[in-house]
Each structure stands twice: as structure tokens, then as C-alpha cells.
Amino acid sequence: MFRIAEASDVYRQLLDEETANAADRQPHPALRAFSRFARADFPVPENEDADGCLFEYGVTSLTGSRMFTLNLTRQLELPEDAEEGEGYLQVSCELHYTPVPALEALGSDAHWWFRGTGEEFADWYASLPLPDLLAALGNETPAQVTVAQDLA
């Protein structure tokens, strides 16, 4: 079991491992790292929504310029005795692409999954619109990849 304070370090390590072993293009290493990260065990309260994952994409201007953004986020509820205080810790990996027409045509979409709902992560992950996303990405390479940890 990992400490919640180490969450972004755990994801970065997994992303580094996947990137080092990758012969294929992004976003495959980030997606594989996210899938592995979602299975990492953290000490969260036993609430239905204490541990969740978000997969979302769309064109935004959050970086200061118009970009297609793929956001992979894990949200962990902090235990009552957490050093970080109360609330949620979110670790996000964002991949930013030039918004070519195929990506613009995807529009935007968001899918949440929570461990406490009874749905298996593998089933949720298999239901994501990855084939359409990967087809639209084609051979595009992300202009920027960021990993961030925030309290919410």
C-alpha cells in the first residue's frame, strides 16, 4: 500500500517505466501507466466515491492556447488524519495536442469510475471510447505532457 502523499510520484514512476519500454507513440504509455496507477492501493476511507478515476478529453484553452487535451485523473479522498488536511487529492496526467480536424470532430467527453460502486476497473476501462480517440490521434505527438498533484 502506498501513502497518498506519494501518489504523484507513483504515477510518474509508472509513466517513466511505460515510456522507457515504449516502442509505440503517445498516448499508449500514458494510458498503460494510468491503468496500472488505477490499480495501486492507497489508504482511502471506505466510501463509495473515495477512490475514483476520470478519463476526459476535448478542446480547451487552459494552457493559454487552444489545444486538444486528454486528461487522465485519479481522485483519492484523504483520510481524516491526513497531513494534507481534508478533501481530495487529485493526480492528473494531461496530454496536449494541436487540435487537428479529426480531434476537433471528437468533441468532448468525460467518464468517471469509482472503486466503491462495484464496477470492475477493467470493465470501465474497456468501455472507454479509446478506439475513436486513438484513430483521431493517428500519428499525432503530444505538444506537452504534464503530471500534476492538487488538493480539491
N, C-alpha and C. Protein backbone atom coordinates (compact mmCIF):
# COMPACT_ATOMS: atom_id res chain seq x y z
N MET A 1 0.85 -1.17 0.00
CA MET A 1 0.00 0.00 0.00
C MET A 1 0.90 1.25 0.00
N PHE A 2 0.52 2.21 -0.83
CA PHE A 2 1.28 3.46 -0.93
C PHE A 2 0.64 4.53 -0.05
N ARG A 3 1.44 5.49 0.37
CA ARG A 3 0.92 6.66 1.08
C ARG A 3 0.29 7.60 0.06
N ILE A 4 -0.81 8.24 0.42
CA ILE A 4 -1.48 9.16 -0.50
C ILE A 4 -0.54 10.29 -0.92
N ALA A 5 0.30 10.76 -0.01
CA ALA A 5 1.23 11.84 -0.33
C ALA A 5 2.20 11.45 -1.45
N GLU A 6 2.37 10.16 -1.70
CA GLU A 6 3.28 9.67 -2.74
C GLU A 6 2.59 9.44 -4.08
N ALA A 7 1.32 9.75 -4.18
CA ALA A 7 0.53 9.38 -5.35
C ALA A 7 1.12 9.88 -6.66
N SER A 8 1.51 11.16 -6.72
CA SER A 8 2.05 11.66 -8.00
C SER A 8 3.39 11.01 -8.32
N ASP A 9 4.18 10.71 -7.29
CA ASP A 9 5.47 10.03 -7.52
C ASP A 9 5.23 8.62 -8.08
N VAL A 10 4.20 7.95 -7.57
CA VAL A 10 3.87 6.60 -8.06
C VAL A 10 3.48 6.68 -9.54
N TYR A 11 2.62 7.65 -9.89
CA TYR A 11 2.22 7.76 -11.29
C TYR A 11 3.41 8.12 -12.18
N ARG A 12 4.24 9.06 -11.74
CA ARG A 12 5.41 9.46 -12.55
C ARG A 12 6.34 8.27 -12.78
N GLN A 13 6.54 7.44 -11.76
CA GLN A 13 7.39 6.26 -11.90
C GLN A 13 6.79 5.30 -12.94
N LEU A 14 5.50 5.07 -12.85
CA LEU A 14 4.83 4.18 -13.81
C LEU A 14 4.91 4.76 -15.23
N LEU A 15 4.72 6.06 -15.36
CA LEU A 15 4.81 6.70 -16.67
C LEU A 15 6.23 6.59 -17.23
N ASP A 16 7.22 6.80 -16.38
CA ASP A 16 8.62 6.66 -16.81
C ASP A 16 8.90 5.24 -17.29
N GLU A 17 8.40 4.25 -16.54
CA GLU A 17 8.60 2.84 -16.93
C GLU A 17 7.94 2.56 -18.27
N GLU A 18 6.71 3.01 -18.45
CA GLU A 18 5.99 2.75 -19.69
C GLU A 18 6.62 3.49 -20.87
N THR A 19 7.08 4.71 -20.63
CA THR A 19 7.71 5.47 -21.70
C THR A 19 9.04 4.85 -22.10
N ALA A 20 9.82 4.38 -21.13
CA ALA A 20 11.11 3.76 -21.41
C ALA A 20 10.95 2.46 -22.20
N ASN A 21 9.86 1.77 -21.96
CA ASN A 21 9.63 0.48 -22.61
C ASN A 21 8.81 0.60 -23.89
N ALA A 22 8.45 1.83 -24.25
CA ALA A 22 7.51 2.01 -25.36
C ALA A 22 8.21 2.14 -26.70
N ALA A 23 7.80 1.31 -27.61
CA ALA A 23 8.23 1.45 -29.00
C ALA A 23 7.14 2.20 -29.76
N ASP A 24 5.96 2.30 -29.13
CA ASP A 24 4.85 2.95 -29.80
C ASP A 24 4.73 4.40 -29.35
N ARG A 25 3.85 5.11 -30.00
CA ARG A 25 3.68 6.54 -29.77
C ARG A 25 2.78 6.82 -28.57
N GLN A 26 2.81 8.07 -28.11
CA GLN A 26 1.88 8.51 -27.09
C GLN A 26 0.50 8.45 -27.73
N PRO A 27 -0.58 8.24 -27.05
CA PRO A 27 -0.72 8.24 -25.60
C PRO A 27 -0.64 6.86 -24.97
N HIS A 28 -0.24 5.84 -25.73
CA HIS A 28 -0.23 4.49 -25.18
C HIS A 28 0.53 4.35 -23.86
N PRO A 29 1.75 4.88 -23.73
CA PRO A 29 2.43 4.76 -22.43
C PRO A 29 1.65 5.43 -21.31
N ALA A 30 1.06 6.60 -21.56
CA ALA A 30 0.29 7.29 -20.52
C ALA A 30 -0.95 6.49 -20.14
N LEU A 31 -1.60 5.90 -21.14
CA LEU A 31 -2.79 5.09 -20.86
C LEU A 31 -2.43 3.83 -20.07
N ARG A 32 -1.34 3.17 -20.44
CA ARG A 32 -0.92 1.97 -19.69
C ARG A 32 -0.52 2.34 -18.27
N ALA A 33 0.20 3.46 -18.11
CA ALA A 33 0.58 3.91 -16.76
C ALA A 33 -0.66 4.23 -15.94
N PHE A 34 -1.64 4.88 -16.56
CA PHE A 34 -2.89 5.22 -15.86
C PHE A 34 -3.62 3.96 -15.42
N SER A 35 -3.67 2.97 -16.28
CA SER A 35 -4.33 1.71 -15.95
C SER A 35 -3.63 1.04 -14.76
N ARG A 36 -2.32 1.05 -14.76
CA ARG A 36 -1.57 0.47 -13.64
C ARG A 36 -1.76 1.30 -12.38
N PHE A 37 -1.73 2.63 -12.51
CA PHE A 37 -1.88 3.55 -11.38
C PHE A 37 -3.26 3.37 -10.73
N ALA A 38 -4.29 3.15 -11.53
CA ALA A 38 -5.64 2.97 -11.01
C ALA A 38 -5.75 1.74 -10.13
N ARG A 39 -4.86 0.80 -10.31
CA ARG A 39 -4.88 -0.44 -9.51
C ARG A 39 -4.00 -0.36 -8.26
N ALA A 40 -3.21 0.72 -8.14
CA ALA A 40 -2.35 0.90 -6.96
C ALA A 40 -3.23 1.13 -5.73
N ASP A 41 -2.82 0.56 -4.62
CA ASP A 41 -3.62 0.60 -3.40
C ASP A 41 -3.20 1.79 -2.53
N PHE A 42 -4.18 2.62 -2.16
CA PHE A 42 -3.95 3.77 -1.28
C PHE A 42 -4.95 3.69 -0.12
N PRO A 43 -4.55 4.19 1.06
CA PRO A 43 -5.43 4.11 2.24
C PRO A 43 -6.50 5.19 2.24
N VAL A 44 -7.59 4.95 1.54
CA VAL A 44 -8.69 5.92 1.48
C VAL A 44 -9.82 5.43 2.39
N PRO A 45 -10.70 6.36 2.79
CA PRO A 45 -11.87 5.93 3.58
C PRO A 45 -12.71 4.93 2.78
N GLU A 46 -13.58 4.23 3.46
CA GLU A 46 -14.39 3.20 2.80
C GLU A 46 -15.72 3.76 2.31
N ASN A 47 -15.66 4.88 1.62
CA ASN A 47 -16.85 5.48 1.00
C ASN A 47 -16.91 5.04 -0.45
N GLU A 48 -18.11 5.02 -1.00
CA GLU A 48 -18.29 4.60 -2.39
C GLU A 48 -17.47 5.45 -3.36
N ASP A 49 -17.36 6.75 -3.08
CA ASP A 49 -16.66 7.65 -4.00
C ASP A 49 -15.32 8.13 -3.48
N ALA A 50 -14.68 7.36 -2.60
CA ALA A 50 -13.40 7.77 -2.01
C ALA A 50 -12.22 7.57 -2.95
N ASP A 51 -12.39 6.76 -3.97
CA ASP A 51 -11.30 6.45 -4.89
C ASP A 51 -11.88 6.36 -6.30
N GLY A 52 -11.52 7.33 -7.13
CA GLY A 52 -12.11 7.37 -8.46
C GLY A 52 -11.13 7.73 -9.54
N CYS A 53 -11.52 7.45 -10.77
CA CYS A 53 -10.72 7.77 -11.95
C CYS A 53 -11.59 8.54 -12.93
N LEU A 54 -10.96 9.49 -13.61
CA LEU A 54 -11.63 10.30 -14.62
C LEU A 54 -10.83 10.22 -15.91
N PHE A 55 -11.53 9.94 -16.99
CA PHE A 55 -10.97 9.96 -18.34
C PHE A 55 -11.78 11.00 -19.09
N GLU A 56 -11.12 12.08 -19.55
CA GLU A 56 -11.84 13.10 -20.28
C GLU A 56 -10.97 13.70 -21.36
N TYR A 57 -11.64 14.22 -22.38
CA TYR A 57 -10.91 14.86 -23.46
C TYR A 57 -11.77 15.93 -24.11
N GLY A 58 -11.09 16.83 -24.81
CA GLY A 58 -11.78 17.88 -25.54
C GLY A 58 -10.84 19.03 -25.82
N VAL A 59 -11.30 19.97 -26.61
CA VAL A 59 -10.51 21.15 -26.93
C VAL A 59 -10.74 22.19 -25.84
N THR A 60 -9.65 22.69 -25.27
CA THR A 60 -9.70 23.71 -24.23
C THR A 60 -8.65 24.78 -24.52
N SER A 61 -8.70 25.83 -23.72
CA SER A 61 -7.68 26.89 -23.80
C SER A 61 -7.01 27.06 -22.45
N LEU A 62 -7.02 26.03 -21.64
CA LEU A 62 -6.48 26.12 -20.28
C LEU A 62 -4.98 26.36 -20.24
N THR A 63 -4.28 25.99 -21.28
CA THR A 63 -2.82 26.17 -21.30
C THR A 63 -2.44 27.54 -21.86
N GLY A 64 -3.43 28.35 -22.21
CA GLY A 64 -3.15 29.65 -22.78
C GLY A 64 -3.33 29.67 -24.29
N SER A 65 -3.31 28.51 -24.90
CA SER A 65 -3.59 28.41 -26.32
C SER A 65 -4.57 27.26 -26.52
N ARG A 66 -5.24 27.27 -27.63
CA ARG A 66 -6.25 26.26 -27.92
C ARG A 66 -5.58 24.93 -28.20
N MET A 67 -5.91 23.92 -27.38
CA MET A 67 -5.30 22.59 -27.51
C MET A 67 -6.36 21.52 -27.28
N PHE A 68 -6.15 20.36 -27.89
CA PHE A 68 -6.94 19.18 -27.57
C PHE A 68 -6.25 18.54 -26.38
N THR A 69 -6.99 18.32 -25.30
CA THR A 69 -6.40 17.80 -24.07
C THR A 69 -7.03 16.46 -23.70
N LEU A 70 -6.18 15.48 -23.44
CA LEU A 70 -6.59 14.20 -22.88
C LEU A 70 -6.17 14.24 -21.42
N ASN A 71 -7.14 14.12 -20.52
CA ASN A 71 -6.89 14.21 -19.09
C ASN A 71 -7.19 12.86 -18.44
N LEU A 72 -6.21 12.32 -17.74
CA LEU A 72 -6.34 11.07 -17.00
C LEU A 72 -6.11 11.41 -15.53
N THR A 73 -7.15 11.30 -14.71
CA THR A 73 -7.06 11.74 -13.31
C THR A 73 -7.48 10.63 -12.37
N ARG A 74 -6.76 10.52 -11.27
CA ARG A 74 -7.19 9.66 -10.16
C ARG A 74 -7.45 10.58 -8.98
N GLN A 75 -8.60 10.40 -8.35
CA GLN A 75 -9.00 11.21 -7.21
C GLN A 75 -9.10 10.33 -5.98
N LEU A 76 -8.41 10.73 -4.92
CA LEU A 76 -8.37 9.97 -3.68
C LEU A 76 -8.86 10.84 -2.53
N GLU A 77 -9.85 10.33 -1.80
CA GLU A 77 -10.31 11.06 -0.62
C GLU A 77 -9.26 10.90 0.47
N LEU A 78 -8.96 12.01 1.12
CA LEU A 78 -7.96 11.98 2.19
C LEU A 78 -8.61 11.45 3.46
N PRO A 79 -7.89 10.57 4.18
CA PRO A 79 -8.42 10.09 5.47
C PRO A 79 -8.47 11.25 6.46
N GLU A 80 -9.25 11.11 7.51
CA GLU A 80 -9.42 12.18 8.49
C GLU A 80 -8.11 12.62 9.12
N ASP A 81 -7.15 11.71 9.27
CA ASP A 81 -5.89 12.05 9.92
C ASP A 81 -4.78 12.43 8.93
N ALA A 82 -5.13 12.75 7.71
CA ALA A 82 -4.13 13.05 6.67
C ALA A 82 -3.41 14.35 6.96
N GLU A 83 -2.10 14.35 6.72
CA GLU A 83 -1.28 15.55 6.88
C GLU A 83 -1.76 16.66 5.95
N GLU A 84 -2.28 16.29 4.80
CA GLU A 84 -2.67 17.25 3.77
C GLU A 84 -3.96 17.99 4.13
N GLY A 85 -4.68 17.52 5.16
CA GLY A 85 -5.94 18.13 5.54
C GLY A 85 -7.12 17.31 5.06
N GLU A 86 -8.26 17.97 4.87
CA GLU A 86 -9.47 17.29 4.42
C GLU A 86 -9.68 17.52 2.94
N GLY A 87 -10.46 16.65 2.34
CA GLY A 87 -10.80 16.82 0.93
C GLY A 87 -10.28 15.68 0.09
N TYR A 88 -9.88 16.00 -1.13
CA TYR A 88 -9.43 15.01 -2.10
C TYR A 88 -8.07 15.40 -2.67
N LEU A 89 -7.30 14.41 -2.97
CA LEU A 89 -6.05 14.61 -3.70
C LEU A 89 -6.28 14.10 -5.12
N GLN A 90 -5.94 14.91 -6.10
CA GLN A 90 -6.10 14.51 -7.49
C GLN A 90 -4.73 14.48 -8.17
N VAL A 91 -4.43 13.37 -8.82
CA VAL A 91 -3.23 13.25 -9.63
C VAL A 91 -3.69 13.15 -11.07
N SER A 92 -3.23 14.09 -11.88
CA SER A 92 -3.68 14.17 -13.27
C SER A 92 -2.49 14.10 -14.23
N CYS A 93 -2.69 13.38 -15.30
CA CYS A 93 -1.77 13.38 -16.42
C CYS A 93 -2.53 13.99 -17.58
N GLU A 94 -1.98 15.07 -18.13
CA GLU A 94 -2.62 15.72 -19.27
C GLU A 94 -1.70 15.66 -20.47
N LEU A 95 -2.27 15.25 -21.59
CA LEU A 95 -1.55 15.22 -22.86
C LEU A 95 -2.21 16.26 -23.75
N HIS A 96 -1.43 17.22 -24.23
CA HIS A 96 -1.94 18.32 -25.03
C HIS A 96 -1.49 18.16 -26.48
N TYR A 97 -2.46 18.25 -27.39
CA TYR A 97 -2.21 18.07 -28.82
C TYR A 97 -2.71 19.28 -29.59
N THR A 98 -2.10 19.53 -30.74
CA THR A 98 -2.64 20.51 -31.66
C THR A 98 -4.02 20.02 -32.09
N PRO A 99 -5.03 20.89 -32.04
CA PRO A 99 -6.41 20.44 -32.33
C PRO A 99 -6.66 20.29 -33.84
N VAL A 100 -6.13 19.23 -34.41
CA VAL A 100 -6.35 18.94 -35.83
C VAL A 100 -7.83 18.60 -36.03
N PRO A 101 -8.34 18.68 -37.27
CA PRO A 101 -9.78 18.45 -37.51
C PRO A 101 -10.32 17.13 -36.96
N ALA A 102 -9.56 16.06 -37.05
CA ALA A 102 -10.06 14.77 -36.54
C ALA A 102 -10.28 14.82 -35.03
N LEU A 103 -9.42 15.54 -34.31
CA LEU A 103 -9.60 15.66 -32.86
C LEU A 103 -10.76 16.60 -32.53
N GLU A 104 -10.87 17.67 -33.28
CA GLU A 104 -11.99 18.60 -33.07
C GLU A 104 -13.32 17.88 -33.27
N ALA A 105 -13.36 16.97 -34.25
CA ALA A 105 -14.59 16.25 -34.56
C ALA A 105 -15.03 15.33 -33.42
N LEU A 106 -14.11 14.94 -32.56
CA LEU A 106 -14.46 14.10 -31.41
C LEU A 106 -15.34 14.83 -30.41
N GLY A 107 -15.23 16.16 -30.38
CA GLY A 107 -15.95 16.92 -29.37
C GLY A 107 -15.28 16.74 -28.02
N SER A 108 -16.08 16.66 -26.98
CA SER A 108 -15.54 16.44 -25.63
C SER A 108 -16.34 15.32 -24.97
N ASP A 109 -15.71 14.67 -24.02
CA ASP A 109 -16.35 13.56 -23.33
C ASP A 109 -15.67 13.37 -21.97
N ALA A 110 -16.40 12.85 -21.01
CA ALA A 110 -15.85 12.58 -19.68
C ALA A 110 -16.50 11.32 -19.12
N HIS A 111 -15.69 10.49 -18.48
CA HIS A 111 -16.16 9.23 -17.90
C HIS A 111 -15.52 9.07 -16.52
N TRP A 112 -16.36 8.95 -15.49
CA TRP A 112 -15.89 8.69 -14.12
C TRP A 112 -16.07 7.22 -13.77
N TRP A 113 -15.19 6.73 -12.91
CA TRP A 113 -15.32 5.40 -12.33
C TRP A 113 -14.94 5.52 -10.86
N PHE A 114 -15.69 4.84 -9.99
CA PHE A 114 -15.37 4.83 -8.56
C PHE A 114 -15.29 3.39 -8.07
N ARG A 115 -14.24 3.12 -7.34
CA ARG A 115 -13.97 1.77 -6.84
C ARG A 115 -15.14 1.21 -6.04
N GLY A 116 -15.80 2.03 -5.25
CA GLY A 116 -16.85 1.54 -4.36
C GLY A 116 -18.17 1.22 -5.01
N THR A 117 -18.30 1.41 -6.31
CA THR A 117 -19.58 1.18 -6.97
C THR A 117 -19.81 -0.28 -7.35
N GLY A 118 -18.78 -1.08 -7.28
CA GLY A 118 -18.90 -2.49 -7.64
C GLY A 118 -18.50 -2.79 -9.07
N GLU A 119 -18.43 -1.78 -9.93
CA GLU A 119 -17.98 -2.00 -11.30
C GLU A 119 -16.47 -2.21 -11.30
N GLU A 120 -16.03 -3.23 -11.99
CA GLU A 120 -14.60 -3.51 -12.08
C GLU A 120 -13.91 -2.45 -12.94
N PHE A 121 -12.71 -2.06 -12.53
CA PHE A 121 -11.96 -1.08 -13.30
C PHE A 121 -11.75 -1.56 -14.74
N ALA A 122 -11.41 -2.81 -14.92
CA ALA A 122 -11.15 -3.33 -16.27
C ALA A 122 -12.37 -3.20 -17.17
N ASP A 123 -13.57 -3.40 -16.62
CA ASP A 123 -14.79 -3.26 -17.41
C ASP A 123 -15.02 -1.79 -17.80
N TRP A 124 -14.82 -0.90 -16.83
CA TRP A 124 -14.95 0.54 -17.12
C TRP A 124 -13.95 0.96 -18.18
N TYR A 125 -12.70 0.56 -18.00
CA TYR A 125 -11.63 0.94 -18.93
C TYR A 125 -11.95 0.42 -20.34
N ALA A 126 -12.45 -0.79 -20.43
CA ALA A 126 -12.80 -1.36 -21.74
C ALA A 126 -13.96 -0.62 -22.39
N SER A 127 -14.78 0.06 -21.59
CA SER A 127 -15.92 0.79 -22.15
C SER A 127 -15.57 2.19 -22.63
N LEU A 128 -14.36 2.65 -22.37
CA LEU A 128 -13.96 4.00 -22.78
C LEU A 128 -13.87 4.09 -24.30
N PRO A 129 -14.07 5.27 -24.85
CA PRO A 129 -14.04 5.44 -26.31
C PRO A 129 -12.61 5.51 -26.86
N LEU A 130 -11.76 4.60 -26.43
CA LEU A 130 -10.36 4.62 -26.85
C LEU A 130 -10.18 4.38 -28.35
N PRO A 131 -10.91 3.46 -28.97
CA PRO A 131 -10.69 3.26 -30.42
C PRO A 131 -10.91 4.55 -31.22
N ASP A 132 -11.97 5.28 -30.91
CA ASP A 132 -12.23 6.53 -31.63
C ASP A 132 -11.14 7.56 -31.35
N LEU A 133 -10.75 7.67 -30.09
CA LEU A 133 -9.71 8.63 -29.71
C LEU A 133 -8.40 8.30 -30.41
N LEU A 134 -7.99 7.04 -30.35
CA LEU A 134 -6.71 6.65 -30.95
C LEU A 134 -6.74 6.82 -32.47
N ALA A 135 -7.88 6.54 -33.08
CA ALA A 135 -7.99 6.74 -34.53
C ALA A 135 -7.86 8.22 -34.88
N ALA A 136 -8.50 9.08 -34.09
CA ALA A 136 -8.42 10.53 -34.34
C ALA A 136 -7.01 11.07 -34.10
N LEU A 137 -6.31 10.50 -33.12
CA LEU A 137 -4.94 10.94 -32.85
C LEU A 137 -4.00 10.55 -33.97
N GLY A 138 -4.28 9.42 -34.62
CA GLY A 138 -3.40 8.99 -35.70
C GLY A 138 -1.96 8.96 -35.23
N ASN A 139 -1.09 9.66 -35.93
CA ASN A 139 0.33 9.72 -35.55
C ASN A 139 0.69 11.01 -34.84
N GLU A 140 -0.31 11.73 -34.35
CA GLU A 140 -0.04 12.98 -33.64
C GLU A 140 0.79 12.71 -32.39
N THR A 141 1.70 13.59 -32.12
CA THR A 141 2.53 13.51 -30.92
C THR A 141 2.12 14.65 -30.00
N PRO A 142 2.01 14.40 -28.69
CA PRO A 142 1.59 15.49 -27.81
C PRO A 142 2.62 16.62 -27.80
N ALA A 143 2.11 17.84 -27.80
CA ALA A 143 2.98 19.01 -27.70
C ALA A 143 3.51 19.15 -26.27
N GLN A 144 2.74 18.61 -25.32
CA GLN A 144 3.14 18.70 -23.92
C GLN A 144 2.46 17.58 -23.14
N VAL A 145 3.19 17.03 -22.17
CA VAL A 145 2.64 16.04 -21.25
C VAL A 145 2.97 16.54 -19.84
N THR A 146 1.94 16.67 -18.99
CA THR A 146 2.17 17.13 -17.63
C THR A 146 1.55 16.16 -16.63
N VAL A 147 2.20 16.03 -15.50
CA VAL A 147 1.65 15.29 -14.37
C VAL A 147 1.60 16.26 -13.21
N ALA A 148 0.42 16.39 -12.61
CA ALA A 148 0.24 17.34 -11.51
C ALA A 148 -0.52 16.69 -10.38
N GLN A 149 -0.29 17.19 -9.17
CA GLN A 149 -1.00 16.73 -7.98
C GLN A 149 -1.61 17.95 -7.32
N ASP A 150 -2.93 17.89 -7.08
CA ASP A 150 -3.64 19.03 -6.49
C ASP A 150 -4.57 18.55 -5.40
N LEU A 151 -4.82 19.44 -4.45
CA LEU A 151 -5.84 19.18 -3.43
C LEU A 151 -7.13 19.82 -3.89
N ALA A 152 -8.21 19.09 -3.73
CA ALA A 152 -9.52 19.62 -4.15
C ALA A 152 -10.47 19.65 -2.97
